[in-house]
Every structure is written in C-alpha cells, then in structure tokens.
Amino acid sequence: MLVIVGSANSGKIQATKNAFSRIFPKHTLEVIGHPITNFETAQPIGEDQIISGAVKRVTQINQWMQKKLFDKMKVHKNIVYCVGI
C-alpha cells in the first residue's frame, strides 16, 4: 500500500505512517512525503481554511502522482492513499 503525504514534514509523514499501520496492520506500507505549493496561510484559521487546504493538498498530490508514480502505483496494485495534512 502506497501512502503519499502532502508535506515534506517528517513529523506529519511519521504520524501518517503510524496511523495507517494501526488501521491496516496486515499491509506492507510505503509512506512518502511530497512537498506541495502552499495554498493557505502557514497556520489556517477555522474549519473552512483547514478543509480547503487539505483538499488542495490532496488534489496536488494526485496530479503529481499520476505523472510521476505510475510504475510505483502498479507495484502497489493501485492501493494508493493521498493524505493532505
């Protein structure tokens, strides 16, 4: 299972890996981070900004993934999650 995190922040990547390991304990995980263009303020304020920023991160990850990770997606049998945190 491939999990792509919309951040290069090692803390966010590790937290995502920990969460997915607990939810999918029988799967082999590959968790990678991908820095994204910052769409929002450094610290979003309010639920609307938080959700908007997460959706934009996932959208950008998905676009990058389709261009750059086609072979990796085949290895993981298209079990791919994009996380925007």
N, C-alpha and C. Protein backbone atom coordinates (compact mmCIF):
# COMPACT_ATOMS: atom_id res chain seq x y z
N MET A 1 0.85 -1.16 0.00
CA MET A 1 0.00 0.00 0.00
C MET A 1 0.90 1.23 0.00
N LEU A 2 0.60 2.14 -0.90
CA LEU A 2 1.36 3.38 -1.01
C LEU A 2 0.53 4.52 -0.41
N VAL A 3 1.15 5.28 0.47
CA VAL A 3 0.50 6.44 1.07
C VAL A 3 1.38 7.65 0.79
N ILE A 4 0.79 8.67 0.19
CA ILE A 4 1.54 9.89 -0.13
C ILE A 4 1.00 11.01 0.73
N VAL A 5 1.89 11.64 1.47
CA VAL A 5 1.53 12.74 2.37
C VAL A 5 1.86 14.06 1.69
N GLY A 6 0.93 14.99 1.74
CA GLY A 6 1.13 16.30 1.11
C GLY A 6 1.97 17.22 1.95
N SER A 7 3.17 16.76 2.27
CA SER A 7 4.09 17.53 3.10
C SER A 7 5.44 16.85 3.08
N ALA A 8 6.48 17.64 3.28
CA ALA A 8 7.82 17.08 3.46
C ALA A 8 8.18 17.05 4.94
N ASN A 9 7.25 17.43 5.80
CA ASN A 9 7.47 17.48 7.24
C ASN A 9 7.56 16.06 7.79
N SER A 10 8.71 15.70 8.35
CA SER A 10 8.94 14.33 8.82
C SER A 10 7.96 13.93 9.92
N GLY A 11 7.53 14.88 10.75
CA GLY A 11 6.55 14.58 11.79
C GLY A 11 5.20 14.17 11.22
N LYS A 12 4.76 14.87 10.17
CA LYS A 12 3.50 14.53 9.52
C LYS A 12 3.60 13.19 8.81
N ILE A 13 4.73 12.94 8.18
CA ILE A 13 4.93 11.66 7.48
C ILE A 13 4.91 10.51 8.47
N GLN A 14 5.62 10.65 9.57
CA GLN A 14 5.66 9.59 10.58
C GLN A 14 4.30 9.39 11.23
N ALA A 15 3.58 10.47 11.52
CA ALA A 15 2.24 10.35 12.11
C ALA A 15 1.30 9.61 11.16
N THR A 16 1.40 9.91 9.88
CA THR A 16 0.58 9.22 8.89
C THR A 16 0.92 7.74 8.83
N LYS A 17 2.21 7.44 8.86
CA LYS A 17 2.65 6.03 8.85
C LYS A 17 2.13 5.30 10.08
N ASN A 18 2.21 5.94 11.23
CA ASN A 18 1.72 5.31 12.46
C ASN A 18 0.21 5.04 12.37
N ALA A 19 -0.53 6.02 11.88
CA ALA A 19 -1.98 5.86 11.79
C ALA A 19 -2.37 4.74 10.81
N PHE A 20 -1.75 4.72 9.63
CA PHE A 20 -2.08 3.70 8.65
C PHE A 20 -1.64 2.32 9.12
N SER A 21 -0.55 2.24 9.86
CA SER A 21 -0.09 0.95 10.40
C SER A 21 -1.11 0.37 11.38
N ARG A 22 -1.74 1.24 12.13
CA ARG A 22 -2.75 0.78 13.09
C ARG A 22 -4.04 0.37 12.38
N ILE A 23 -4.40 1.09 11.34
CA ILE A 23 -5.65 0.80 10.63
C ILE A 23 -5.50 -0.41 9.71
N PHE A 24 -4.33 -0.56 9.09
CA PHE A 24 -4.07 -1.65 8.14
C PHE A 24 -2.86 -2.47 8.60
N PRO A 25 -2.98 -3.18 9.72
CA PRO A 25 -1.81 -3.86 10.28
C PRO A 25 -1.25 -4.99 9.41
N LYS A 26 -2.03 -5.53 8.50
CA LYS A 26 -1.57 -6.66 7.69
C LYS A 26 -0.96 -6.22 6.35
N HIS A 27 -1.00 -4.93 6.07
CA HIS A 27 -0.47 -4.43 4.81
C HIS A 27 0.98 -3.96 4.96
N THR A 28 1.73 -4.12 3.91
CA THR A 28 3.06 -3.53 3.84
C THR A 28 2.88 -2.10 3.35
N LEU A 29 3.38 -1.16 4.12
CA LEU A 29 3.19 0.26 3.80
C LEU A 29 4.45 0.88 3.23
N GLU A 30 4.26 1.74 2.26
CA GLU A 30 5.31 2.65 1.82
C GLU A 30 4.71 4.04 1.94
N VAL A 31 5.25 4.83 2.83
CA VAL A 31 4.74 6.18 3.07
C VAL A 31 5.80 7.17 2.61
N ILE A 32 5.42 8.05 1.68
CA ILE A 32 6.36 9.05 1.20
C ILE A 32 5.72 10.43 1.32
N GLY A 33 6.56 11.41 1.49
CA GLY A 33 6.11 12.79 1.54
C GLY A 33 6.40 13.50 0.23
N HIS A 34 5.53 14.41 -0.11
CA HIS A 34 5.73 15.22 -1.30
C HIS A 34 5.41 16.66 -0.95
N PRO A 35 6.39 17.55 -1.04
CA PRO A 35 6.11 18.95 -0.73
C PRO A 35 5.15 19.54 -1.76
N ILE A 36 4.25 20.34 -1.30
CA ILE A 36 3.26 20.93 -2.19
C ILE A 36 3.36 22.45 -2.12
N THR A 37 2.78 23.08 -3.12
CA THR A 37 2.72 24.53 -3.14
C THR A 37 1.77 24.97 -2.04
N ASN A 38 2.18 25.92 -1.25
CA ASN A 38 1.34 26.37 -0.13
C ASN A 38 0.20 27.24 -0.65
N PHE A 39 -1.01 26.75 -0.47
CA PHE A 39 -2.20 27.46 -0.92
C PHE A 39 -2.79 28.35 0.17
N GLU A 40 -2.55 28.03 1.38
CA GLU A 40 -3.18 28.71 2.51
C GLU A 40 -2.12 29.40 3.36
N THR A 41 -2.57 30.06 4.37
CA THR A 41 -1.65 30.67 5.31
C THR A 41 -0.87 29.57 6.03
N ALA A 42 0.23 29.94 6.64
CA ALA A 42 1.05 28.95 7.35
C ALA A 42 0.25 28.24 8.44
N GLN A 43 -0.64 28.97 9.09
CA GLN A 43 -1.48 28.37 10.12
C GLN A 43 -2.94 28.69 9.78
N PRO A 44 -3.64 27.74 9.17
CA PRO A 44 -5.03 28.01 8.80
C PRO A 44 -5.88 28.29 10.04
N ILE A 45 -6.82 29.19 9.88
CA ILE A 45 -7.70 29.56 10.97
C ILE A 45 -9.12 29.18 10.57
N GLY A 46 -9.73 28.37 11.36
CA GLY A 46 -11.11 27.98 11.11
C GLY A 46 -11.23 26.73 10.27
N GLU A 47 -12.36 26.10 10.41
CA GLU A 47 -12.61 24.83 9.74
C GLU A 47 -12.58 24.96 8.22
N ASP A 48 -13.11 26.05 7.70
CA ASP A 48 -13.14 26.23 6.24
C ASP A 48 -11.73 26.26 5.64
N GLN A 49 -10.81 27.00 6.26
CA GLN A 49 -9.43 27.05 5.76
C GLN A 49 -8.73 25.71 5.91
N ILE A 50 -9.00 25.01 7.00
CA ILE A 50 -8.36 23.71 7.23
C ILE A 50 -8.81 22.72 6.16
N ILE A 51 -10.10 22.64 5.93
CA ILE A 51 -10.63 21.70 4.94
C ILE A 51 -10.19 22.09 3.53
N SER A 52 -10.27 23.36 3.20
CA SER A 52 -9.86 23.84 1.88
C SER A 52 -8.39 23.51 1.61
N GLY A 53 -7.54 23.74 2.59
CA GLY A 53 -6.11 23.45 2.43
C GLY A 53 -5.85 21.97 2.24
N ALA A 54 -6.54 21.11 3.00
CA ALA A 54 -6.36 19.67 2.88
C ALA A 54 -6.81 19.17 1.51
N VAL A 55 -7.94 19.66 1.03
CA VAL A 55 -8.43 19.26 -0.29
C VAL A 55 -7.46 19.69 -1.38
N LYS A 56 -6.92 20.88 -1.28
CA LYS A 56 -5.97 21.36 -2.28
C LYS A 56 -4.68 20.55 -2.25
N ARG A 57 -4.24 20.16 -1.06
CA ARG A 57 -3.04 19.32 -0.95
C ARG A 57 -3.25 17.98 -1.65
N VAL A 58 -4.38 17.34 -1.36
CA VAL A 58 -4.66 16.04 -1.95
C VAL A 58 -4.79 16.15 -3.46
N THR A 59 -5.41 17.20 -3.94
CA THR A 59 -5.56 17.41 -5.39
C THR A 59 -4.18 17.52 -6.04
N GLN A 60 -3.30 18.30 -5.42
CA GLN A 60 -1.96 18.46 -5.99
C GLN A 60 -1.16 17.16 -5.93
N ILE A 61 -1.29 16.42 -4.85
CA ILE A 61 -0.60 15.12 -4.74
C ILE A 61 -1.09 14.19 -5.84
N ASN A 62 -2.39 14.13 -6.02
CA ASN A 62 -2.97 13.24 -7.03
C ASN A 62 -2.45 13.57 -8.42
N GLN A 63 -2.36 14.84 -8.75
CA GLN A 63 -1.85 15.25 -10.06
C GLN A 63 -0.39 14.85 -10.22
N TRP A 64 0.42 15.08 -9.20
CA TRP A 64 1.84 14.72 -9.23
C TRP A 64 2.00 13.21 -9.34
N MET A 65 1.21 12.48 -8.55
CA MET A 65 1.31 11.03 -8.52
C MET A 65 1.02 10.43 -9.89
N GLN A 66 -0.01 10.90 -10.55
CA GLN A 66 -0.36 10.35 -11.86
C GLN A 66 0.73 10.60 -12.89
N LYS A 67 1.48 11.68 -12.75
CA LYS A 67 2.56 11.98 -13.69
C LYS A 67 3.84 11.22 -13.36
N LYS A 68 4.15 11.09 -12.08
CA LYS A 68 5.46 10.61 -11.66
C LYS A 68 5.51 9.20 -11.09
N LEU A 69 4.40 8.68 -10.63
CA LEU A 69 4.45 7.43 -9.88
C LEU A 69 3.68 6.29 -10.51
N PHE A 70 3.50 6.32 -11.80
CA PHE A 70 2.71 5.28 -12.46
C PHE A 70 3.26 3.89 -12.17
N ASP A 71 4.56 3.69 -12.31
CA ASP A 71 5.16 2.37 -12.07
C ASP A 71 5.03 1.96 -10.61
N LYS A 72 5.22 2.91 -9.70
CA LYS A 72 5.10 2.61 -8.27
C LYS A 72 3.67 2.21 -7.93
N MET A 73 2.69 2.84 -8.59
CA MET A 73 1.30 2.50 -8.35
C MET A 73 1.02 1.06 -8.78
N LYS A 74 1.63 0.61 -9.87
CA LYS A 74 1.44 -0.77 -10.32
C LYS A 74 2.02 -1.75 -9.31
N VAL A 75 3.17 -1.41 -8.73
CA VAL A 75 3.79 -2.28 -7.72
C VAL A 75 2.85 -2.46 -6.53
N HIS A 76 2.17 -1.38 -6.17
CA HIS A 76 1.26 -1.42 -5.02
C HIS A 76 -0.17 -1.79 -5.43
N LYS A 77 -0.32 -2.29 -6.64
CA LYS A 77 -1.62 -2.75 -7.16
C LYS A 77 -2.69 -1.68 -7.03
N ASN A 78 -2.28 -0.45 -7.24
CA ASN A 78 -3.18 0.69 -7.22
C ASN A 78 -3.87 0.90 -5.88
N ILE A 79 -3.30 0.36 -4.83
CA ILE A 79 -3.80 0.67 -3.48
C ILE A 79 -3.00 1.86 -3.01
N VAL A 80 -3.54 3.04 -3.28
CA VAL A 80 -2.83 4.28 -3.03
C VAL A 80 -3.74 5.25 -2.29
N TYR A 81 -3.21 5.84 -1.24
CA TYR A 81 -3.93 6.86 -0.49
C TYR A 81 -3.14 8.16 -0.54
N CYS A 82 -3.86 9.26 -0.70
CA CYS A 82 -3.24 10.59 -0.64
C CYS A 82 -3.77 11.28 0.61
N VAL A 83 -2.84 11.83 1.39
CA VAL A 83 -3.21 12.44 2.67
C VAL A 83 -2.80 13.91 2.64
N GLY A 84 -3.74 14.78 2.90
CA GLY A 84 -3.46 16.22 2.92
C GLY A 84 -3.52 16.75 4.34
N ILE A 85 -2.40 16.68 5.04
CA ILE A 85 -2.37 17.20 6.43
C ILE A 85 -1.29 18.25 6.55
